[in-house]
């Protein structure tokens, strides 16, 4: 693991809404933002100490969920230093305490999943609506900087809103993962889905990937290892050059490098290898349409992922593309509308015979529909030679 150049002011400018969306009170985010003036270090005005102070204050108040989320902000965007690793362990401890007070059934399991001829542990948080034992399983995964605890609100909403069992895990290379990020890590995620479905008695499964997690959602759908998938802002390498780490803002190349378990910022060869290995086009997976329902969602102004990584699916059979006009990465500005629509869409795919599921999906999509760019508008902007 290694530290890298990033300005905390830039992180706050981009991510303050995200921190509040996790569930951190806005006044705490504003307080830390005013106190932090550098990223790495042990001084009170450094990133980790400033967030840790708020986490400890929340623990004193026994506000365990707020404490867990503040510890998550302290270890954000990756565990590049020992203090961040300590913060992450504190987050897991506080989250266990917080889960006892949530009006839903919570389980924590550690699965042993086959990978490269051995097994690797995969920690999973499972949420269920009390008294409901549905046969639909939704597995959620974040990206390189947003891990399973940060998906607490989305997972809980998925369980309570839809009645599906929702399991949340870390992307390989992050969180509690015991292996680095690699292009074949879909084997781990597919294995985890299979084991969870077996344990929970699920008949049908969906995978919901957010940011880099969307890469795995698309890959699991394209290889037919789930029954439906949601890719929210995932890189798929649809373009000729794949994902260009050099072009990513706000230290993201360093975050990805830490997920790859490199010892320093990715050099030219490592950046080229990443673009090549993680391109689903170069893996041959974008040559034919998917037989598995796939929902692809993103903003038209994504600062990280090329538009083609979503528009490539526009004409595919069984693929649905929602591009939110003017929104940034993962349509972050409109997640309160995007998430209910995407969650109920997933349930409708897993329970196609349920009129209740279908109607719920239609209703949830109504507030989002006015924000969506039309196919002709999107294709004309990003692919000027396209005509329909």
Protein backbone atom coordinates (compact mmCIF):
# COMPACT_ATOMS: atom_id res chain seq x y z
CA UNK A 1 0.00 0.00 0.00
CA UNK A 2 1.18 3.53 -0.69
CA UNK A 3 0.23 7.17 -0.29
CA UNK A 4 -0.33 9.43 -3.28
CA UNK A 5 -0.99 13.04 -4.17
CA UNK A 6 -4.54 14.18 -3.51
CA UNK A 7 -5.99 17.42 -2.18
CA UNK A 8 -8.58 16.98 0.57
CA UNK A 9 -10.35 20.14 -0.64
CA UNK A 10 -10.93 18.40 -3.98
CA UNK A 11 -12.23 15.30 -2.26
CA UNK A 12 -14.67 17.35 -0.21
CA UNK A 13 -15.82 19.28 -3.28
CA UNK A 14 -16.62 16.03 -5.04
CA UNK A 15 -17.62 13.72 -2.20
CA UNK A 16 -19.37 15.77 0.50
CA UNK A 17 -22.75 14.86 -0.98
CA UNK A 18 -21.67 11.23 -0.98
CA UNK A 19 -20.65 11.31 2.69
CA UNK A 20 -24.03 12.78 3.61
CA UNK A 21 -25.67 10.15 1.42
CA UNK A 22 -23.96 7.43 3.44
CA UNK A 23 -25.72 8.83 6.50
CA UNK A 24 -23.10 11.12 8.07
CA UNK A 25 -24.89 14.24 9.40
CA UNK A 26 -24.18 17.25 7.19
CA UNK A 27 -22.93 19.34 10.13
CA UNK A 28 -20.23 16.75 10.84
CA UNK A 29 -19.10 16.78 7.21
CA UNK A 30 -18.96 20.60 7.27
CA UNK A 31 -17.02 20.55 10.55
CA UNK A 32 -14.37 18.18 9.25
CA UNK A 33 -14.16 20.01 5.95
CA UNK A 34 -13.37 23.24 7.81
CA UNK A 35 -10.66 21.56 9.92
CA UNK A 36 -8.76 19.46 7.35
CA UNK A 37 -5.95 21.10 5.39
CA UNK A 38 -3.84 18.08 4.29
CA UNK A 39 -4.37 14.43 3.51
CA UNK A 40 -1.59 12.38 5.07
CA UNK A 41 -0.18 12.77 8.56
CA UNK A 42 -0.93 12.51 12.27
CA UNK A 43 -1.67 16.17 12.95
CA UNK A 44 -5.21 17.13 14.06
CA UNK A 45 -5.78 18.91 10.74
CA UNK A 46 -4.92 15.80 8.68
CA UNK A 47 -7.68 13.70 7.12
CA UNK A 48 -7.64 10.61 9.35
CA UNK A 49 -7.28 12.38 12.73
CA UNK A 50 -10.02 14.90 11.92
CA UNK A 51 -12.52 12.21 10.95
CA UNK A 52 -11.42 9.98 13.84
CA UNK A 53 -12.24 12.75 16.31
CA UNK A 54 -15.82 12.83 15.05
CA UNK A 55 -16.05 9.04 15.13
CA UNK A 56 -14.94 8.89 18.75
CA UNK A 57 -17.38 11.63 19.71
CA UNK A 58 -20.18 9.59 18.12
CA UNK A 59 -19.05 6.51 20.07
CA UNK A 60 -19.26 8.46 23.32
CA UNK A 61 -22.88 9.30 22.40
CA UNK A 62 -23.41 5.61 21.52
CA UNK A 63 -24.42 6.73 18.02
CA UNK A 64 -22.91 3.58 16.58
CA UNK A 65 -23.98 3.98 12.96
CA UNK A 66 -22.70 7.56 12.79
CA UNK A 67 -19.46 6.37 14.40
CA UNK A 68 -19.12 3.56 11.86
CA UNK A 69 -19.67 5.91 8.94
CA UNK A 70 -17.19 8.48 10.31
CA UNK A 71 -14.60 5.73 10.74
CA UNK A 72 -15.35 4.83 7.11
CA UNK A 73 -14.65 8.39 6.08
CA UNK A 74 -11.41 8.26 8.09
CA UNK A 75 -10.16 5.23 6.13
CA UNK A 76 -11.42 6.75 2.84
CA UNK A 77 -10.47 6.52 0.01
CA UNK A 78 -8.29 3.47 0.72
CA UNK A 79 -6.12 1.96 3.43
CA UNK A 80 -2.86 3.55 2.36
CA UNK A 81 -1.55 4.00 5.92
CA UNK A 82 -1.69 2.08 9.24
CA UNK A 83 -4.05 4.63 10.80
CA UNK A 84 -6.54 3.99 8.03
CA UNK A 85 -6.38 0.26 8.61
CA UNK A 86 -7.08 0.89 12.30
CA UNK A 87 -9.99 3.15 11.34
CA UNK A 88 -11.44 0.40 9.16
CA UNK A 89 -11.36 -2.12 11.99
CA UNK A 90 -13.07 0.42 14.24
CA UNK A 91 -15.71 0.87 11.54
CA UNK A 92 -16.49 -2.84 11.42
CA UNK A 93 -16.73 -3.01 15.22
CA UNK A 94 -19.09 -0.02 15.43
CA UNK A 95 -21.21 -1.34 12.58
CA UNK A 96 -21.75 -4.62 14.38
CA UNK A 97 -23.08 -2.64 17.34
CA UNK A 98 -25.23 -0.43 15.10
CA UNK A 99 -26.80 -3.42 13.34
CA UNK A 100 -28.44 -4.55 16.59
CA UNK A 101 -30.67 -1.46 16.60
CA UNK A 102 -31.80 -1.57 12.95
CA UNK A 103 -35.40 -2.71 12.26
CA UNK A 104 -34.29 -5.52 9.97
CA UNK A 105 -32.66 -8.93 10.32
CA UNK A 106 -28.85 -8.72 10.03
CA UNK A 107 -26.37 -11.53 9.53
CA UNK A 108 -22.62 -11.43 9.06
CA UNK A 109 -21.01 -14.38 7.35
CA UNK A 110 -17.50 -15.12 6.11
CA UNK A 111 -17.61 -17.42 3.10
CA UNK A 112 -14.74 -19.55 1.79
CA UNK A 113 -14.87 -19.03 -1.96
CA UNK A 114 -12.80 -20.98 -4.51
CA UNK A 115 -10.26 -18.86 -6.38
CA UNK A 116 -7.21 -19.87 -8.41
CA UNK A 117 -7.15 -23.39 -7.05
CA UNK A 118 -7.45 -22.33 -3.42
CA UNK A 119 -10.11 -20.54 -1.34
CA UNK A 120 -10.34 -16.94 -0.20
CA UNK A 121 -12.49 -15.52 2.63
CA UNK A 122 -15.32 -13.19 1.63
CA UNK A 123 -17.07 -11.25 4.40
CA UNK A 124 -20.76 -10.64 3.70
CA UNK A 125 -23.44 -8.55 5.39
CA UNK A 126 -26.95 -9.94 4.85
CA UNK A 127 -30.15 -7.94 5.38
CA UNK A 128 -33.73 -9.19 5.41
CA UNK A 129 -37.08 -7.61 6.08
CA UNK A 130 -38.23 -9.02 9.46
CA UNK A 131 -40.31 -12.15 9.04
CA UNK A 132 -39.74 -12.30 5.26
CA UNK A 133 -37.83 -15.17 3.68
CA UNK A 134 -38.07 -14.34 0.00
CA UNK A 135 -36.52 -16.47 -2.72
CA UNK A 136 -34.96 -13.49 -4.55
CA UNK A 137 -31.37 -12.58 -3.65
CA UNK A 138 -29.74 -9.25 -4.50
CA UNK A 139 -25.97 -9.07 -3.98
CA UNK A 140 -24.51 -5.55 -3.82
CA UNK A 141 -20.92 -4.42 -4.28
CA UNK A 142 -19.30 -1.00 -4.21
CA UNK A 143 -16.14 0.16 -5.92
CA UNK A 144 -12.53 0.90 -5.08
CA UNK A 145 -13.32 3.51 -2.40
CA UNK A 146 -16.90 2.81 -1.28
CA UNK A 147 -17.18 -0.49 0.56
CA UNK A 148 -19.89 -2.59 2.14
CA UNK A 149 -20.61 -0.51 5.25
CA UNK A 150 -21.03 2.62 3.11
CA UNK A 151 -23.79 0.78 1.22
CA UNK A 152 -25.78 0.40 4.45
CA UNK A 153 -28.64 2.69 3.41
CA UNK A 154 -28.94 1.21 -0.07
CA UNK A 155 -28.88 -2.36 1.24
CA UNK A 156 -31.41 -1.68 3.96
CA UNK A 157 -33.68 0.12 1.49
CA UNK A 158 -33.40 -2.82 -0.87
CA UNK A 159 -34.44 -5.29 1.81
CA UNK A 160 -37.25 -3.20 3.31
CA UNK A 161 -38.56 -1.75 0.04
CA UNK A 162 -38.59 -4.90 -2.06
CA UNK A 163 -38.64 -7.83 0.37
CA UNK A 164 -35.61 -9.33 -1.36
CA UNK A 165 -32.75 -10.67 0.70
CA UNK A 166 -29.86 -8.25 0.20
CA UNK A 167 -26.23 -9.28 0.71
CA UNK A 168 -23.39 -6.77 0.60
CA UNK A 169 -19.72 -7.56 0.04
CA UNK A 170 -16.47 -5.79 -0.79
CA UNK A 171 -14.97 -5.73 -4.24
CA UNK A 172 -11.80 -7.86 -4.42
CA UNK A 173 -8.79 -5.75 -3.50
CA UNK A 174 -10.73 -3.60 -1.03
CA UNK A 175 -12.17 -3.77 2.48
CA UNK A 176 -11.80 -7.21 4.03
CA UNK A 177 -10.74 -8.83 0.78
CA UNK A 178 -7.71 -11.08 1.17
CA UNK A 179 -6.62 -10.84 -2.48
CA UNK A 180 -5.74 -7.93 -4.77
CA UNK A 181 -7.97 -6.62 -7.51
CA UNK A 182 -7.52 -8.70 -10.67
CA UNK A 183 -9.38 -9.13 -13.94
CA UNK A 184 -10.47 -12.68 -13.03
CA UNK A 185 -11.90 -11.64 -9.65
CA UNK A 186 -15.39 -12.22 -11.06
CA UNK A 187 -14.75 -15.85 -10.08
CA UNK A 188 -14.84 -14.75 -6.43
CA UNK A 189 -18.03 -12.76 -6.82
CA UNK A 190 -19.79 -15.48 -8.81
CA UNK A 191 -18.73 -18.04 -6.21
CA UNK A 192 -20.02 -15.83 -3.39
CA UNK A 193 -23.37 -15.39 -5.15
CA UNK A 194 -23.67 -19.14 -5.60
CA UNK A 195 -22.87 -19.90 -1.96
CA UNK A 196 -25.24 -17.22 -0.69
CA UNK A 197 -28.07 -18.48 -2.87
CA UNK A 198 -27.50 -22.00 -1.55
CA UNK A 199 -27.42 -20.89 2.10
CA UNK A 200 -30.43 -18.63 1.79
CA UNK A 201 -32.52 -20.88 -0.42
CA UNK A 202 -32.72 -18.28 -3.17
CA UNK A 203 -34.17 -19.38 -6.49
CA UNK A 204 -33.00 -16.38 -8.52
CA UNK A 205 -30.13 -13.92 -8.06
CA UNK A 206 -29.21 -10.40 -9.14
CA UNK A 207 -25.97 -8.46 -8.78
CA UNK A 208 -25.99 -4.70 -8.19
CA UNK A 209 -22.59 -3.08 -8.72
CA UNK A 210 -21.85 0.56 -7.95
CA UNK A 211 -18.94 2.40 -9.61
CA UNK A 212 -16.20 -0.20 -10.22
CA UNK A 213 -18.63 -2.74 -8.82
CA UNK A 214 -20.66 -2.11 -11.97
CA UNK A 215 -17.85 -3.68 -13.98
CA UNK A 216 -18.50 -6.96 -12.18
CA UNK A 217 -22.27 -6.62 -12.52
CA UNK A 218 -21.93 -6.30 -16.29
CA UNK A 219 -19.46 -9.19 -16.47
CA UNK A 220 -21.63 -11.53 -14.41
CA UNK A 221 -24.60 -10.70 -16.62
CA UNK A 222 -22.65 -11.12 -19.85
CA UNK A 223 -21.37 -14.51 -18.71
CA UNK A 224 -24.79 -15.66 -17.51
CA UNK A 225 -23.86 -16.27 -13.86
CA UNK A 226 -26.75 -14.28 -12.38
CA UNK A 227 -30.38 -13.86 -13.42
CA UNK A 228 -30.23 -10.04 -13.63
CA UNK A 229 -27.72 -7.27 -13.00
CA UNK A 230 -27.50 -3.52 -12.39
CA UNK A 231 -24.38 -1.65 -13.47
CA UNK A 232 -24.38 1.80 -11.84
CA UNK A 233 -21.45 3.75 -13.26
CA UNK A 234 -19.22 0.77 -13.98
CA UNK A 235 -16.19 0.82 -16.31
CA UNK A 236 -16.41 -1.91 -18.95
CA UNK A 237 -13.65 -0.86 -21.34
CA UNK A 238 -15.93 -0.46 -24.35
CA UNK A 239 -13.58 1.95 -26.11
CA UNK A 240 -10.44 1.04 -27.99
CA UNK A 241 -8.11 2.26 -25.26
CA UNK A 242 -9.96 0.94 -22.22
CA UNK A 243 -9.98 2.88 -18.94
CA UNK A 244 -7.26 5.55 -18.90
CA UNK A 245 -5.96 5.81 -15.32
CA UNK A 246 -4.02 8.95 -16.25
CA UNK A 247 -7.26 10.77 -16.98
CA UNK A 248 -8.92 10.01 -13.64
CA UNK A 249 -9.15 13.01 -11.26
CA UNK A 250 -8.71 13.39 -7.49
CA UNK A 251 -6.11 10.71 -6.88
CA UNK A 252 -8.21 7.90 -8.37
CA UNK A 253 -5.18 6.31 -10.05
CA UNK A 254 -3.67 5.98 -6.56
CA UNK A 255 -6.86 4.47 -5.18
CA UNK A 256 -6.97 1.91 -7.99
CA UNK A 257 -3.27 1.22 -7.48
CA UNK A 258 -3.92 0.43 -3.83
CA UNK A 259 -6.74 -1.95 -4.81
CA UNK A 260 -4.27 -3.66 -7.14
CA UNK A 261 -1.92 -3.90 -4.14
CA UNK A 262 0.87 -2.06 -5.93
CA UNK A 263 3.74 -0.57 -3.93
CA UNK A 264 3.60 2.80 -5.66
CA UNK A 265 1.57 4.81 -8.18
CA UNK A 266 0.92 2.78 -11.35
CA UNK A 267 3.69 3.22 -13.89
CA UNK A 268 3.11 3.33 -17.63
CA UNK A 269 3.28 -0.44 -18.08
CA UNK A 270 0.94 -1.05 -15.14
CA UNK A 271 -1.56 1.51 -16.45
CA UNK A 272 -1.52 -0.09 -19.89
CA UNK A 273 -1.92 -3.57 -18.42
CA UNK A 274 -4.88 -2.40 -16.33
CA UNK A 275 -6.63 -0.91 -19.37
CA UNK A 276 -6.04 -4.08 -21.36
CA UNK A 277 -6.94 -6.69 -18.74
CA UNK A 278 -10.12 -5.00 -17.50
CA UNK A 279 -11.57 -4.31 -20.94
CA UNK A 280 -14.66 -6.45 -21.48
CA UNK A 281 -14.32 -5.68 -25.17
CA UNK A 282 -10.86 -7.25 -25.30
CA UNK A 283 -12.23 -10.20 -23.35
CA UNK A 284 -14.75 -10.69 -26.16
CA UNK A 285 -17.75 -10.07 -23.92
CA UNK A 286 -19.11 -7.09 -25.88
CA UNK A 287 -19.31 -8.93 -29.18
CA UNK A 288 -22.80 -10.35 -28.64
CA UNK A 289 -25.89 -9.24 -26.75
CA UNK A 290 -26.73 -10.51 -23.27
CA UNK A 291 -29.43 -13.05 -22.53
CA UNK A 292 -29.56 -11.81 -18.93
CA UNK A 293 -31.48 -8.60 -18.16
CA UNK A 294 -28.92 -5.85 -17.57
CA UNK A 295 -29.67 -2.32 -16.38
CA UNK A 296 -26.92 0.23 -17.02
CA UNK A 297 -27.21 3.59 -15.24
CA UNK A 298 -24.94 6.62 -15.22
CA UNK A 299 -24.81 10.38 -15.59
CA UNK A 300 -24.13 12.02 -18.93
CA UNK A 301 -21.40 14.14 -17.27
CA UNK A 302 -19.46 11.30 -15.60
CA UNK A 303 -15.96 12.57 -14.80
CA UNK A 304 -14.48 9.07 -14.48
CA UNK A 305 -16.09 6.68 -16.95
CA UNK A 306 -16.33 7.25 -20.73
CA UNK A 307 -19.88 7.60 -22.02
CA UNK A 308 -19.32 4.68 -24.38
CA UNK A 309 -19.18 2.31 -21.40
CA UNK A 310 -22.93 2.91 -21.06
CA UNK A 311 -24.01 3.76 -24.61
CA UNK A 312 -22.47 0.53 -25.94
CA UNK A 313 -25.49 -1.25 -24.45
CA UNK A 314 -28.13 1.08 -25.90
CA UNK A 315 -29.13 -1.21 -28.78
CA UNK A 316 -28.61 -4.51 -27.00
CA UNK A 317 -31.39 -7.02 -26.50
CA UNK A 318 -32.20 -7.44 -22.80
CA UNK A 319 -30.18 -4.34 -21.87
CA UNK A 320 -31.79 -1.16 -20.51
CA UNK A 321 -29.80 2.09 -20.34
CA UNK A 322 -30.72 5.03 -18.11
CA UNK A 323 -28.51 8.06 -18.62
CA UNK A 324 -29.33 10.91 -16.26
CA UNK A 325 -29.00 14.22 -18.02
CA UNK A 326 -26.24 16.45 -16.59
CA UNK A 327 -25.40 14.10 -13.70
CA UNK A 328 -21.87 13.02 -12.78
CA UNK A 329 -20.40 9.63 -11.86
CA UNK A 330 -23.07 7.12 -10.83
CA UNK A 331 -25.68 9.87 -11.29
CA UNK A 332 -24.73 10.90 -7.75
CA UNK A 333 -26.88 14.03 -7.75
CA UNK A 334 -30.05 11.97 -8.23
CA UNK A 335 -29.44 8.79 -6.23
CA UNK A 336 -32.64 9.25 -4.15
CA UNK A 337 -34.53 8.65 -7.42
CA UNK A 338 -32.09 6.28 -9.08
CA UNK A 339 -31.75 3.73 -6.27
CA UNK A 340 -35.46 2.96 -5.69
CA UNK A 341 -35.98 2.67 -9.44
CA UNK A 342 -32.99 0.36 -9.90
CA UNK A 343 -33.79 -1.78 -6.85
CA UNK A 344 -37.39 -2.33 -7.90
CA UNK A 345 -36.27 -2.99 -11.49
CA UNK A 346 -34.05 -5.79 -10.17
CA UNK A 347 -36.90 -7.30 -8.19
CA UNK A 348 -39.18 -7.18 -11.24
CA UNK A 349 -36.59 -9.13 -13.25
CA UNK A 350 -36.28 -11.78 -10.55
CA UNK A 351 -40.03 -12.04 -10.02
CA UNK A 352 -41.48 -11.53 -13.53
CA UNK A 353 -44.76 -13.24 -12.67
CA UNK A 354 -45.42 -10.86 -9.77
CA UNK A 355 -47.76 -8.04 -10.71
CA UNK A 356 -46.83 -6.33 -7.44
CA UNK A 357 -43.14 -6.31 -8.38
CA UNK A 358 -43.86 -5.03 -11.89
CA UNK A 359 -46.13 -2.25 -10.69
CA UNK A 360 -43.66 -1.22 -7.98
CA UNK A 361 -40.92 -0.93 -10.58
CA UNK A 362 -43.08 1.24 -12.84
CA UNK A 363 -44.05 3.53 -9.98
CA UNK A 364 -40.47 3.90 -8.77
CA UNK A 365 -39.29 4.84 -12.26
CA UNK A 366 -41.83 7.64 -12.72
CA UNK A 367 -39.89 10.32 -10.75
CA UNK A 368 -36.70 9.39 -12.62
CA UNK A 369 -38.08 9.38 -16.16
CA UNK A 370 -38.09 13.19 -16.68
CA UNK A 371 -34.37 13.27 -15.85
CA UNK A 372 -33.33 10.71 -18.45
CA UNK A 373 -31.70 11.65 -21.71
CA UNK A 374 -33.41 10.09 -24.71
CA UNK A 375 -31.56 7.51 -26.81
CA UNK A 376 -31.36 9.77 -29.86
CA UNK A 377 -30.05 12.65 -27.75
CA UNK A 378 -27.36 10.54 -26.10
CA UNK A 379 -26.19 8.81 -29.25
CA UNK A 380 -26.09 12.02 -31.25
CA UNK A 381 -23.91 13.65 -28.58
CA UNK A 382 -21.46 10.84 -28.00
CA UNK A 383 -21.58 9.12 -31.39
CA UNK A 384 -22.08 11.82 -34.08
CA UNK A 385 -22.01 9.26 -36.91
CA UNK A 386 -24.95 7.34 -35.38
CA UNK A 387 -28.35 7.56 -37.02
CA UNK A 388 -31.63 5.87 -36.20
